[in-house]
Amino acid sequence: MCQASRHGMNKSERLESLLPNGRGVWIPIDHGMSDYPCQGLEDTEGLIRDLITAGVDAIVAQKGVVSHYGHLCEGTKTNMVIHFSASTRHGGADSSRKVSVGQASEVESRGGIAASAQVNIGSDGEAAMLEALGDLTTQCHHLGLPVLGMVYARGPNLNVVDGDATKGVAHAARVAFEIGCDVGKTTWTGDEASFAHVTAAAPIPLLVAGGAKTNTFEMLTMVKKAMNNGAAGVCMGRQVFAHEQPSAVAKALVLIVHHDASVE
């Protein structure tokens, strides 16, 4: 499907393109906003071409990146999702406080088909981040655009409910659902039993994050376990783009998520 034809799609068609048969491999490369130099992002165009070749469903990036490189997705199955949250490593106490740096009305003209924003529940500035995500879901609702909510349970004010084996991760997934996101990014809780509580917390597709860069076999094993316990796919950046062979890792994820391949 070419980029131009995507602009005529309704919301359900956009979601099907982003999550074929309800599953998706999404690669966020927005890390250059918060940290740079950043291993793997030095050749952004080459990386995007590799990810497209690997057959990923979506690349999540800041709007300037999508404006500049979105044309590379024309005629391919890969879509661009614009991430509208930003902060940098230089923000001191504000470094985990994401602010909104755009509006849903920019998505299509810049070459995207969906929007994304982040909330760190438990962090200072949580209220403003929730307000910004809520505003984005409202804008996208009126424009028929899907929204990815990257809602993380992290920060000094995290107040986990007694007995919650997910340590707030299930609540974060629930927040993404209740605030109007169509897709949520979640984190692996360390074991299958607790992760099943996370995916049960929200009826929207949940994509598991990769976390800190680690052994690729261990990461793929985690993905397989997550898929077996209700995940709809992955939304992981550094595990892919910081690898020596990002295209190979991305292709492995596509095989596991879309073709039920074994980790081996």
C-alpha atoms as a PDB file:
ATOM      1  CA  MET A   1       0.000   0.000   0.000  1.00  0.00           C
ATOM      2  CA  CYS A   2       1.539   3.323  -1.034  1.00  0.00           C
ATOM      3  CA  GLN A   3       1.821   6.264   1.335  1.00  0.00           C
ATOM      4  CA  ALA A   4      -0.700   8.364  -0.587  1.00  0.00           C
ATOM      5  CA  SER A   5      -3.447   5.736  -0.412  1.00  0.00           C
ATOM      6  CA  ARG A   6      -3.033   5.477   3.363  1.00  0.00           C
ATOM      7  CA  HIS A   7      -4.372   9.013   3.750  1.00  0.00           C
ATOM      8  CA  GLY A   8      -7.804   7.889   2.607  1.00  0.00           C
ATOM      9  CA  MET A   9      -8.084   5.126   5.206  1.00  0.00           C
ATOM     10  CA  ASN A  10     -10.517   5.183   8.100  1.00  0.00           C
ATOM     11  CA  LYS A  11      -9.359   4.401  11.614  1.00  0.00           C
ATOM     12  CA  SER A  12     -10.055   0.669  11.489  1.00  0.00           C
ATOM     13  CA  GLU A  13      -8.152   0.379   8.196  1.00  0.00           C
ATOM     14  CA  ARG A  14      -5.208   2.243   9.716  1.00  0.00           C
ATOM     15  CA  LEU A  15      -5.175  -0.125  12.674  1.00  0.00           C
ATOM     16  CA  GLU A  16      -5.259  -3.133  10.347  1.00  0.00           C
ATOM     17  CA  SER A  17      -2.263  -1.730   8.468  1.00  0.00           C
ATOM     18  CA  LEU A  18      -0.410  -1.122  11.746  1.00  0.00           C
ATOM     19  CA  LEU A  19      -1.512  -4.413  13.313  1.00  0.00           C
ATOM     20  CA  PRO A  20      -2.154  -6.979  10.566  1.00  0.00           C
ATOM     21  CA  ASN A  21      -4.418  -9.678  12.010  1.00  0.00           C
ATOM     22  CA  GLY A  22      -4.150  -7.916  15.353  1.00  0.00           C
ATOM     23  CA  ARG A  23      -0.375  -8.269  15.694  1.00  0.00           C
ATOM     24  CA  GLY A  24       2.417  -5.802  15.184  1.00  0.00           C
ATOM     25  CA  VAL A  25       6.146  -5.172  15.190  1.00  0.00           C
ATOM     26  CA  TRP A  26       6.712  -1.499  15.938  1.00  0.00           C
ATOM     27  CA  ILE A  27      10.190   0.002  16.240  1.00  0.00           C
ATOM     28  CA  PRO A  28      10.500   3.341  18.077  1.00  0.00           C
ATOM     29  CA  ILE A  29      13.495   5.413  17.010  1.00  0.00           C
ATOM     30  CA  ASP A  30      12.562   8.600  18.890  1.00  0.00           C
ATOM     31  CA  HIS A  31      15.499   8.195  21.290  1.00  0.00           C
ATOM     32  CA  GLY A  32      17.581  10.838  19.511  1.00  0.00           C
ATOM     33  CA  MET A  33      15.347  13.496  21.075  1.00  0.00           C
ATOM     34  CA  SER A  34      16.258  12.501  24.626  1.00  0.00           C
ATOM     35  CA  ASP A  35      19.819  11.224  24.042  1.00  0.00           C
ATOM     36  CA  TYR A  36      22.387  11.885  21.353  1.00  0.00           C
ATOM     37  CA  PRO A  37      24.834  10.601  20.214  1.00  0.00           C
ATOM     38  CA  CYS A  38      22.829   7.379  20.368  1.00  0.00           C
ATOM     39  CA  GLN A  39      24.256   4.082  19.122  1.00  0.00           C
ATOM     40  CA  GLY A  40      22.433   2.921  16.021  1.00  0.00           C
ATOM     41  CA  LEU A  41      20.824   6.255  15.136  1.00  0.00           C
ATOM     42  CA  GLU A  42      23.848   7.826  13.440  1.00  0.00           C
ATOM     43  CA  ASP A  43      22.614   6.680  10.003  1.00  0.00           C
ATOM     44  CA  THR A  44      18.886   7.204  10.386  1.00  0.00           C
ATOM     45  CA  GLU A  45      18.074   6.733   6.711  1.00  0.00           C
ATOM     46  CA  GLY A  46      20.017   3.476   6.525  1.00  0.00           C
ATOM     47  CA  LEU A  47      18.290   2.207   9.657  1.00  0.00           C
ATOM     48  CA  ILE A  48      14.829   3.022   8.306  1.00  0.00           C
ATOM     49  CA  ARG A  49      15.624   1.266   5.033  1.00  0.00           C
ATOM     50  CA  ASP A  50      16.791  -1.804   6.998  1.00  0.00           C
ATOM     51  CA  LEU A  51      13.601  -1.850   9.081  1.00  0.00           C
ATOM     52  CA  ILE A  52      11.431  -1.560   5.974  1.00  0.00           C
ATOM     53  CA  THR A  53      13.327  -4.436   4.348  1.00  0.00           C
ATOM     54  CA  ALA A  54      12.784  -6.524   7.484  1.00  0.00           C
ATOM     55  CA  GLY A  55       9.038  -5.956   7.146  1.00  0.00           C
ATOM     56  CA  VAL A  56       8.235  -4.130  10.385  1.00  0.00           C
ATOM     57  CA  ASP A  57       4.707  -2.763  10.605  1.00  0.00           C
ATOM     58  CA  ALA A  58       5.511   0.627  12.093  1.00  0.00           C
ATOM     59  CA  ILE A  59       8.356   2.979  12.888  1.00  0.00           C
ATOM     60  CA  VAL A  60       7.651   5.410  15.734  1.00  0.00           C
ATOM     61  CA  ALA A  61       9.588   8.655  15.444  1.00  0.00           C
ATOM     62  CA  GLN A  62       9.513  12.358  16.217  1.00  0.00           C
ATOM     63  CA  LYS A  63       7.751  14.516  13.642  1.00  0.00           C
ATOM     64  CA  GLY A  64      10.897  15.958  12.090  1.00  0.00           C
ATOM     65  CA  VAL A  65      12.185  12.467  11.360  1.00  0.00           C
ATOM     66  CA  VAL A  66       8.857  11.436   9.820  1.00  0.00           C
ATOM     67  CA  SER A  67       8.731  14.586   7.665  1.00  0.00           C
ATOM     68  CA  HIS A  68      12.261  13.943   6.408  1.00  0.00           C
ATOM     69  CA  TYR A  69      12.164  10.184   5.901  1.00  0.00           C
ATOM     70  CA  GLY A  70       8.493   9.241   5.615  1.00  0.00           C
ATOM     71  CA  HIS A  71       8.754   8.992   1.818  1.00  0.00           C
ATOM     72  CA  LEU A  72      10.923   5.886   2.266  1.00  0.00           C
ATOM     73  CA  CYS A  73       7.777   3.987   3.317  1.00  0.00           C
ATOM     74  CA  GLU A  74       5.969   4.671   0.050  1.00  0.00           C
ATOM     75  CA  GLY A  75       5.006   1.440  -1.663  1.00  0.00           C
ATOM     76  CA  THR A  76       5.876  -0.670   1.394  1.00  0.00           C
ATOM     77  CA  LYS A  77       3.926  -2.272   4.267  1.00  0.00           C
ATOM     78  CA  THR A  78       5.757  -0.152   6.860  1.00  0.00           C
ATOM     79  CA  ASN A  79       3.941   2.821   8.417  1.00  0.00           C
ATOM     80  CA  MET A  80       5.146   5.895  10.279  1.00  0.00           C
ATOM     81  CA  VAL A  81       3.735   6.813  13.699  1.00  0.00           C
ATOM     82  CA  ILE A  82       4.537  10.292  15.045  1.00  0.00           C
ATOM     83  CA  HIS A  83       5.591  10.512  18.686  1.00  0.00           C
ATOM     84  CA  PHE A  84       4.541  13.818  20.240  1.00  0.00           C
ATOM     85  CA  SER A  85       6.236  13.589  23.657  1.00  0.00           C
ATOM     86  CA  ALA A  86       9.661  15.042  24.363  1.00  0.00           C
ATOM     87  CA  SER A  87      12.256  15.679  27.049  1.00  0.00           C
ATOM     88  CA  THR A  88      16.048  15.582  27.041  1.00  0.00           C
ATOM     89  CA  ARG A  89      18.785  14.260  29.303  1.00  0.00           C
ATOM     90  CA  HIS A  90      19.656  17.867  30.139  1.00  0.00           C
ATOM     91  CA  GLY A  91      16.342  18.554  31.896  1.00  0.00           C
ATOM     92  CA  GLY A  92      17.581  17.732  35.388  1.00  0.00           C
ATOM     93  CA  ALA A  93      14.601  17.096  37.645  1.00  0.00           C
ATOM     94  CA  ASP A  94      12.380  17.553  34.568  1.00  0.00           C
ATOM     95  CA  SER A  95      14.118  14.918  32.442  1.00  0.00           C
ATOM     96  CA  SER A  96      11.304  12.388  32.960  1.00  0.00           C
ATOM     97  CA  ARG A  97       8.555  14.983  32.486  1.00  0.00           C
ATOM     98  CA  LYS A  98       7.387  14.641  28.906  1.00  0.00           C
ATOM     99  CA  VAL A  99       5.833  17.668  27.222  1.00  0.00           C
ATOM    100  CA  SER A 100       3.698  17.710  24.090  1.00  0.00           C
ATOM    101  CA  VAL A 101       5.494  19.064  21.020  1.00  0.00           C
ATOM    102  CA  GLY A 102       2.791  18.839  18.367  1.00  0.00           C
ATOM    103  CA  GLN A 103      -0.812  18.243  17.388  1.00  0.00           C
ATOM    104  CA  ALA A 104      -2.721  15.458  15.687  1.00  0.00           C
ATOM    105  CA  SER A 105      -3.496  17.720  12.732  1.00  0.00           C
ATOM    106  CA  GLU A 106       0.170  17.379  11.663  1.00  0.00           C
ATOM    107  CA  VAL A 107       0.169  13.601  11.398  1.00  0.00           C
ATOM    108  CA  GLU A 108      -0.957  13.061   7.817  1.00  0.00           C
ATOM    109  CA  SER A 109       0.763  16.048   6.220  1.00  0.00           C
ATOM    110  CA  ARG A 110       4.076  14.939   7.723  1.00  0.00           C
ATOM    111  CA  GLY A 111       3.701  11.376   6.443  1.00  0.00           C
ATOM    112  CA  GLY A 112       2.319   9.480   9.444  1.00  0.00           C
ATOM    113  CA  ILE A 113      -0.872   7.479   9.939  1.00  0.00           C
ATOM    114  CA  ALA A 114      -1.071   7.463  13.748  1.00  0.00           C
ATOM    115  CA  ALA A 115       0.098   9.374  16.815  1.00  0.00           C
ATOM    116  CA  SER A 116       1.937   8.429  19.994  1.00  0.00           C
ATOM    117  CA  ALA A 117       2.619   9.995  23.386  1.00  0.00           C
ATOM    118  CA  GLN A 118       4.234   9.001  26.677  1.00  0.00           C
ATOM    119  CA  VAL A 119       3.202   9.202  30.321  1.00  0.00           C
ATOM    120  CA  ASN A 120       5.436   8.220  33.233  1.00  0.00           C
ATOM    121  CA  ILE A 121       3.007   7.485  36.057  1.00  0.00           C
ATOM    122  CA  GLY A 122       4.628   8.037  39.410  1.00  0.00           C
ATOM    123  CA  SER A 123       6.931  10.749  38.072  1.00  0.00           C
ATOM    124  CA  ASP A 124       6.798  14.437  38.882  1.00  0.00           C
ATOM    125  CA  GLY A 125       4.623  16.102  36.278  1.00  0.00           C
ATOM    126  CA  GLU A 126       2.352  13.065  35.911  1.00  0.00           C
ATOM    127  CA  ALA A 127      -0.802  15.220  35.850  1.00  0.00           C
ATOM    128  CA  ALA A 128       0.435  17.342  32.959  1.00  0.00           C
ATOM    129  CA  MET A 129       1.506  14.249  31.009  1.00  0.00           C
ATOM    130  CA  LEU A 130      -1.924  12.664  31.493  1.00  0.00           C
ATOM    131  CA  GLU A 131      -3.565  15.880  30.347  1.00  0.00           C
ATOM    132  CA  ALA A 132      -1.398  15.983  27.220  1.00  0.00           C
ATOM    133  CA  LEU A 133      -2.164  12.350  26.331  1.00  0.00           C
ATOM    134  CA  GLY A 134      -5.866  12.934  26.929  1.00  0.00           C
ATOM    135  CA  ASP A 135      -5.768  15.975  24.660  1.00  0.00           C
ATOM    136  CA  LEU A 136      -4.041  13.939  21.945  1.00  0.00           C
ATOM    137  CA  THR A 137      -6.610  11.119  22.116  1.00  0.00           C
ATOM    138  CA  THR A 138      -9.377  13.733  21.784  1.00  0.00           C
ATOM    139  CA  GLN A 139      -7.759  15.306  18.725  1.00  0.00           C
ATOM    140  CA  CYS A 140      -7.154  11.925  17.127  1.00  0.00           C
ATOM    141  CA  HIS A 141     -10.704  10.766  17.877  1.00  0.00           C
ATOM    142  CA  HIS A 142     -12.066  13.632  15.780  1.00  0.00           C
ATOM    143  CA  LEU A 143      -9.576  12.979  12.971  1.00  0.00           C
ATOM    144  CA  GLY A 144      -9.951   9.181  12.907  1.00  0.00           C
ATOM    145  CA  LEU A 145      -6.308   8.547  13.825  1.00  0.00           C
ATOM    146  CA  PRO A 146      -5.101   5.701  16.075  1.00  0.00           C
ATOM    147  CA  VAL A 147      -3.091   6.557  19.186  1.00  0.00           C
ATOM    148  CA  LEU A 148      -0.283   4.624  20.847  1.00  0.00           C
ATOM    149  CA  GLY A 149       0.051   5.242  24.573  1.00  0.00           C
ATOM    150  CA  MET A 150       3.507   4.626  25.996  1.00  0.00           C
ATOM    151  CA  VAL A 151       2.467   4.545  29.637  1.00  0.00           C
ATOM    152  CA  TYR A 152       5.169   3.457  32.064  1.00  0.00           C
ATOM    153  CA  ALA A 153       5.020   2.764  35.803  1.00  0.00           C
ATOM    154  CA  ARG A 154       8.131   4.610  36.920  1.00  0.00           C
ATOM    155  CA  GLY A 155       9.092   7.437  39.192  1.00  0.00           C
ATOM    156  CA  PRO A 156       9.585   8.327  42.848  1.00  0.00           C
ATOM    157  CA  ASN A 157       5.859   8.717  43.539  1.00  0.00           C
ATOM    158  CA  LEU A 158       4.805   5.265  42.325  1.00  0.00           C
ATOM    159  CA  ASN A 159       2.284   3.920  44.838  1.00  0.00           C
ATOM    160  CA  VAL A 160       1.727   0.241  44.027  1.00  0.00           C
ATOM    161  CA  VAL A 161      -1.472  -1.416  45.260  1.00  0.00           C
ATOM    162  CA  ASP A 162      -0.835  -4.078  47.905  1.00  0.00           C
ATOM    163  CA  GLY A 163      -0.528  -7.497  46.297  1.00  0.00           C
ATOM    164  CA  ASP A 164      -0.008  -6.162  42.772  1.00  0.00           C
ATOM    165  CA  ALA A 165       2.505  -8.616  41.297  1.00  0.00           C
ATOM    166  CA  THR A 166       2.899  -6.366  38.253  1.00  0.00           C
ATOM    167  CA  LYS A 167       4.254  -3.484  40.389  1.00  0.00           C
ATOM    168  CA  GLY A 168       2.035  -0.940  38.667  1.00  0.00           C
ATOM    169  CA  VAL A 169       2.505  -2.182  35.093  1.00  0.00           C
ATOM    170  CA  ALA A 170      -1.095  -3.423  34.862  1.00  0.00           C
ATOM    171  CA  HIS A 171      -2.297  -0.032  36.090  1.00  0.00           C
ATOM    172  CA  ALA A 172      -0.202   1.688  33.409  1.00  0.00           C
ATOM    173  CA  ALA A 173      -1.846  -0.489  30.724  1.00  0.00           C
ATOM    174  CA  ARG A 174      -5.253   0.333  32.186  1.00  0.00           C
ATOM    175  CA  VAL A 175      -4.450   4.060  32.051  1.00  0.00           C
ATOM    176  CA  ALA A 176      -3.605   3.802  28.330  1.00  0.00           C
ATOM    177  CA  PHE A 177      -6.949   2.089  27.699  1.00  0.00           C
ATOM    178  CA  GLU A 178      -9.105   4.362  29.844  1.00  0.00           C
ATOM    179  CA  ILE A 179      -7.636   7.596  28.463  1.00  0.00           C
ATOM    180  CA  GLY A 180      -8.605   6.541  24.935  1.00  0.00           C
ATOM    181  CA  CYS A 181      -5.518   4.962  23.365  1.00  0.00           C
ATOM    182  CA  ASP A 182      -6.065   2.347  20.680  1.00  0.00           C
ATOM    183  CA  VAL A 183      -2.756   0.588  21.368  1.00  0.00           C
ATOM    184  CA  GLY A 184      -0.627   0.491  24.505  1.00  0.00           C
ATOM    185  CA  LYS A 185       3.080  -0.036  25.041  1.00  0.00           C
ATOM    186  CA  THR A 186       3.798  -2.097  28.132  1.00  0.00           C
ATOM    187  CA  THR A 187       6.772  -3.657  29.892  1.00  0.00           C
ATOM    188  CA  TRP A 188       7.679  -7.243  30.709  1.00  0.00           C
ATOM    189  CA  THR A 189       7.032  -7.967  34.382  1.00  0.00           C
ATOM    190  CA  GLY A 190       9.619 -10.719  34.725  1.00  0.00           C
ATOM    191  CA  ASP A 191       7.365 -13.775  34.600  1.00  0.00           C
ATOM    192  CA  GLU A 192       4.433 -15.104  32.624  1.00  0.00           C
ATOM    193  CA  ALA A 193       1.910 -15.224  35.468  1.00  0.00           C
ATOM    194  CA  SER A 194       2.212 -11.553  36.356  1.00  0.00           C
ATOM    195  CA  PHE A 195       2.377 -10.475  32.692  1.00  0.00           C
ATOM    196  CA  ALA A 196      -0.937 -12.235  32.076  1.00  0.00           C
ATOM    197  CA  HIS A 197      -2.444  -9.825  34.648  1.00  0.00           C
ATOM    198  CA  VAL A 198      -1.132  -6.927  32.554  1.00  0.00           C
ATOM    199  CA  THR A 199      -2.722  -8.058  29.293  1.00  0.00           C
ATOM    200  CA  ALA A 200      -5.960  -8.844  31.143  1.00  0.00           C
ATOM    201  CA  ALA A 201      -6.085  -5.262  32.449  1.00  0.00           C
ATOM    202  CA  ALA A 202      -6.966  -3.704  29.087  1.00  0.00           C
ATOM    203  CA  PRO A 203      -8.867  -4.913  25.999  1.00  0.00           C
ATOM    204  CA  ILE A 204      -6.688  -2.904  23.597  1.00  0.00           C
ATOM    205  CA  PRO A 205      -3.628  -4.449  21.873  1.00  0.00           C
ATOM    206  CA  LEU A 206      -0.564  -4.229  24.116  1.00  0.00           C
ATOM    207  CA  LEU A 207       2.928  -4.210  22.639  1.00  0.00           C
ATOM    208  CA  VAL A 208       5.796  -5.254  24.894  1.00  0.00           C
ATOM    209  CA  ALA A 209       8.878  -3.065  25.232  1.00  0.00           C
ATOM    210  CA  GLY A 210      12.399  -4.387  24.935  1.00  0.00           C
ATOM    211  CA  GLY A 211      13.872  -2.692  27.976  1.00  0.00           C
ATOM    212  CA  ALA A 212      17.602  -2.144  28.348  1.00  0.00           C
ATOM    213  CA  LYS A 213      19.735  -3.720  25.620  1.00  0.00           C
ATOM    214  CA  THR A 214      20.458  -7.301  26.567  1.00  0.00           C
ATOM    215  CA  ASN A 215      21.277 -10.698  25.079  1.00  0.00           C
ATOM    216  CA  THR A 216      19.258 -11.108  21.878  1.00  0.00           C
ATOM    217  CA  PHE A 217      18.289 -14.717  22.604  1.00  0.00           C
ATOM    218  CA  GLU A 218      16.995 -13.702  26.054  1.00  0.00           C
ATOM    219  CA  MET A 219      15.043 -10.825  24.517  1.00  0.00           C
ATOM    220  CA  LEU A 220      13.439 -13.061  21.872  1.00  0.00           C
ATOM    221  CA  THR A 221      12.577 -15.614  24.564  1.00  0.00           C
ATOM    222  CA  MET A 222      10.856 -12.859  26.537  1.00  0.00           C
ATOM    223  CA  VAL A 223       8.905 -11.825  23.434  1.00  0.00           C
ATOM    224  CA  LYS A 224       7.741 -15.398  22.861  1.00  0.00           C
ATOM    225  CA  LYS A 225       6.553 -15.647  26.487  1.00  0.00           C
ATOM    226  CA  ALA A 226       4.786 -12.292  26.206  1.00  0.00           C
ATOM    227  CA  MET A 227       3.015 -13.378  23.016  1.00  0.00           C
ATOM    228  CA  ASN A 228       1.915 -16.591  24.741  1.00  0.00           C
ATOM    229  CA  ASN A 229       0.354 -14.483  27.495  1.00  0.00           C
ATOM    230  CA  GLY A 230      -1.686 -11.980  25.552  1.00  0.00           C
ATOM    231  CA  ALA A 231       0.746  -9.479  24.026  1.00  0.00           C
ATOM    232  CA  ALA A 232      -0.185  -8.283  20.536  1.00  0.00           C
ATOM    233  CA  GLY A 233       3.428  -7.790  19.508  1.00  0.00           C
ATOM    234  CA  VAL A 234       6.408  -5.622  20.304  1.00  0.00           C
ATOM    235  CA  CYS A 235       7.328  -1.958  20.477  1.00  0.00           C
ATOM    236  CA  MET A 236      11.081  -1.960  21.041  1.00  0.00           C
ATOM    237  CA  GLY A 237      13.867   0.344  20.007  1.00  0.00           C
ATOM    238  CA  ARG A 238      17.379  -0.100  21.407  1.00  0.00           C
ATOM    239  CA  GLN A 239      17.174  -3.905  21.321  1.00  0.00           C
ATOM    240  CA  VAL A 240      16.882  -3.495  17.547  1.00  0.00           C
ATOM    241  CA  PHE A 241      18.581  -0.319  16.341  1.00  0.00           C
ATOM    242  CA  ALA A 242      21.564  -0.570  18.723  1.00  0.00           C
ATOM    243  CA  HIS A 243      22.277  -4.145  17.606  1.00  0.00           C
ATOM    244  CA  GLU A 244      25.114  -4.872  15.174  1.00  0.00           C
ATOM    245  CA  GLN A 245      22.525  -6.336  12.788  1.00  0.00           C
ATOM    246  CA  PRO A 246      19.274  -4.394  13.296  1.00  0.00           C
ATOM    247  CA  SER A 247      17.638  -5.814  10.174  1.00  0.00           C
ATOM    248  CA  ALA A 248      18.254  -9.395  11.343  1.00  0.00           C
ATOM    249  CA  VAL A 249      16.810  -8.721  14.809  1.00  0.00           C
ATOM    250  CA  ALA A 250      13.795  -6.962  13.303  1.00  0.00           C
ATOM    251  CA  LYS A 251      13.219  -9.889  10.948  1.00  0.00           C
ATOM    252  CA  ALA A 252      13.425 -12.324  13.882  1.00  0.00           C
ATOM    253  CA  LEU A 253      10.740 -10.308  15.681  1.00  0.00           C
ATOM    254  CA  VAL A 254       8.540 -10.350  12.572  1.00  0.00           C
ATOM    255  CA  LEU A 255       8.901 -14.155  12.368  1.00  0.00           C
ATOM    256  CA  ILE A 256       7.956 -14.634  16.032  1.00  0.00           C
ATOM    257  CA  VAL A 257       5.087 -12.125  16.118  1.00  0.00           C
ATOM    258  CA  HIS A 258       3.518 -12.825  12.725  1.00  0.00           C
ATOM    259  CA  HIS A 259       4.536 -16.390  11.964  1.00  0.00           C
ATOM    260  CA  ASP A 260       4.732 -17.974  15.435  1.00  0.00           C
ATOM    261  CA  ALA A 261       8.335 -18.982  14.793  1.00  0.00           C
ATOM    262  CA  SER A 262      10.338 -20.572  17.582  1.00  0.00           C
ATOM    263  CA  VAL A 263      13.058 -18.529  19.291  1.00  0.00           C
ATOM    264  CA  GLU A 264      15.653 -20.892  17.870  1.00  0.00           C
END
